Amino acid sequence: MATFDELTELALSLPGAHQEETWEQVTLRVGRKIFAMGRPESGEATVKATPAEQAELIAAAPGVYSVAPYTGRFGWVRVRLAGTGPEELRELLTDAWRSVAPKRAVAGHGERGE
C-alpha cells in the first residue's frame, strides 16, 4: 500500500523533479511539464501515461486504475494509492517522468541502472 507521501518522495528522487501547487493540487514536474499530481488527502494521484499504457493498467487492475478526469483522453491514469506497492508506484512514476524529462536526463538516469 503506497501513500501520497511515498509518491511525492519517489517522484522528487528523479533527476530535475520538483513540486509545485497548482489548481489546489500538488503537481510533480520536470521544468514546467507535469508528470504526476494529486491531493494528499484524496488517497489518489493522477499519473501521465500513454493511451496504450492506460488501457493495459486499467485492464490489469480496474480497481486500482481508471481513466483520469480531464486528461484521461491523453492517456493519464488515476491511481488508487492503497492498491499499489512502492515498486509498482516507482515504475509508474519513472515512466511518467521519462515522458517529460529532457533526453539528457533520461539517458543519464538509465546509465546509473535506475
Protein backbone atom coordinates (compact mmCIF):
# COMPACT_ATOMS: atom_id res chain seq x y z
CA MET A 1 0.00 0.00 0.00
CA ALA A 2 1.51 3.31 -1.10
CA THR A 3 0.79 6.73 0.37
CA PHE A 4 0.82 10.20 -1.14
CA ASP A 5 3.96 10.99 0.87
CA GLU A 6 5.69 7.99 -0.73
CA LEU A 7 4.52 9.11 -4.17
CA THR A 8 5.99 12.55 -3.57
CA GLU A 9 9.25 11.16 -2.20
CA LEU A 10 9.68 8.78 -5.14
CA ALA A 11 8.85 11.49 -7.69
CA LEU A 12 11.21 14.03 -6.14
CA SER A 13 14.05 11.49 -6.19
CA LEU A 14 14.02 11.62 -10.01
CA PRO A 15 16.54 14.00 -11.62
CA GLY A 16 15.23 17.53 -12.10
CA ALA A 17 11.87 16.80 -10.46
CA HIS A 18 10.24 19.41 -8.27
CA GLN A 19 6.89 20.09 -6.66
CA GLU A 20 4.51 23.00 -7.19
CA GLU A 21 0.99 23.65 -6.01
CA THR A 22 -1.34 24.33 -8.92
CA TRP A 23 -5.14 24.11 -9.11
CA GLU A 24 -5.16 23.37 -5.36
CA GLN A 25 -3.19 20.19 -6.10
CA VAL A 26 0.37 19.07 -5.68
CA THR A 27 1.93 18.83 -9.12
CA LEU A 28 5.18 16.95 -9.72
CA ARG A 29 7.17 18.35 -12.61
CA VAL A 30 10.31 18.43 -14.64
CA GLY A 31 10.75 22.02 -15.72
CA ARG A 32 7.22 23.16 -16.47
CA LYS A 33 5.96 19.73 -17.54
CA ILE A 34 3.77 17.80 -15.13
CA PHE A 35 4.17 14.03 -14.80
CA ALA A 36 2.01 13.37 -11.71
CA MET A 37 -0.42 15.26 -9.50
CA GLY A 38 -2.95 14.88 -6.77
CA ARG A 39 -4.28 15.96 -3.40
CA PRO A 40 -2.63 14.33 -0.38
CA GLU A 41 -5.94 13.80 1.43
CA SER A 42 -7.59 12.03 -1.52
CA GLY A 43 -5.63 8.77 -1.46
CA GLU A 44 -5.34 9.05 -5.24
CA ALA A 45 -2.97 10.51 -7.79
CA THR A 46 -3.06 11.15 -11.50
CA VAL A 47 -0.04 9.95 -13.45
CA LYS A 48 0.97 10.62 -17.06
CA ALA A 49 0.85 7.55 -19.30
CA THR A 50 0.29 6.79 -22.95
CA PRO A 51 -3.16 5.68 -24.10
CA ALA A 52 -1.79 2.14 -24.60
CA GLU A 53 -0.29 2.06 -21.09
CA GLN A 54 -3.54 3.42 -19.68
CA ALA A 55 -5.53 0.61 -21.33
CA GLU A 56 -3.11 -2.06 -20.05
CA LEU A 57 -3.15 -0.73 -16.49
CA ILE A 58 -6.95 -0.50 -16.34
CA ALA A 59 -7.37 -3.96 -17.85
CA ALA A 60 -4.90 -5.48 -15.38
CA ALA A 61 -6.27 -3.79 -12.24
CA PRO A 62 -9.58 -1.94 -12.76
CA GLY A 63 -9.98 -1.45 -9.01
CA VAL A 64 -6.68 0.43 -8.82
CA TYR A 65 -6.52 2.29 -12.15
CA SER A 66 -9.10 4.34 -14.01
CA VAL A 67 -9.23 6.98 -16.70
CA ALA A 68 -8.21 10.30 -15.17
CA PRO A 69 -10.72 13.13 -15.36
CA TYR A 70 -9.91 15.85 -17.93
CA THR A 71 -6.53 14.39 -19.01
CA GLY A 72 -7.61 10.77 -19.45
CA ARG A 73 -8.18 11.20 -23.16
CA PHE A 74 -4.40 11.74 -23.44
CA GLY A 75 -3.59 8.56 -21.52
CA TRP A 76 -3.32 9.85 -17.96
CA VAL A 77 -4.47 7.38 -15.29
CA ARG A 78 -5.98 7.85 -11.88
CA VAL A 79 -4.24 5.61 -9.35
CA ARG A 80 -5.80 4.49 -6.08
CA LEU A 81 -2.62 4.58 -3.98
CA ALA A 82 -3.80 1.99 -1.44
CA GLY A 83 -3.92 -0.54 -4.29
CA THR A 84 -0.28 -0.08 -5.33
CA GLY A 85 3.02 -1.06 -3.82
CA PRO A 86 6.20 1.03 -3.72
CA GLU A 87 7.87 -0.78 -6.63
CA GLU A 88 4.82 -0.51 -8.88
CA LEU A 89 4.50 3.17 -7.99
CA ARG A 90 8.21 3.75 -8.66
CA GLU A 91 7.82 2.18 -12.12
CA LEU A 92 4.73 4.27 -12.94
CA LEU A 93 6.41 7.49 -11.85
CA THR A 94 9.67 6.71 -13.63
CA ASP A 95 7.83 6.01 -16.88
CA ALA A 96 5.82 9.23 -16.48
CA TRP A 97 8.98 11.21 -15.67
CA ARG A 98 10.75 9.76 -18.73
CA SER A 99 7.93 11.00 -20.95
CA VAL A 100 8.54 14.65 -19.99
CA ALA A 101 12.18 14.83 -18.87
CA PRO A 102 14.95 16.13 -21.13
CA LYS A 103 16.61 13.37 -23.15
CA ARG A 104 19.97 14.02 -21.48
CA ALA A 105 18.46 13.47 -18.01
CA VAL A 106 16.70 10.30 -19.15
CA ALA A 107 19.90 8.91 -20.68
CA GLY A 108 21.87 9.73 -17.52
CA HIS A 109 19.23 8.17 -15.28
CA GLY A 110 19.27 4.92 -17.25
CA GLU A 111 23.08 4.69 -17.16
CA ARG A 112 23.01 4.51 -13.37
CA GLY A 113 20.85 1.39 -13.57
CA GLU A 114 17.83 3.06 -12.02
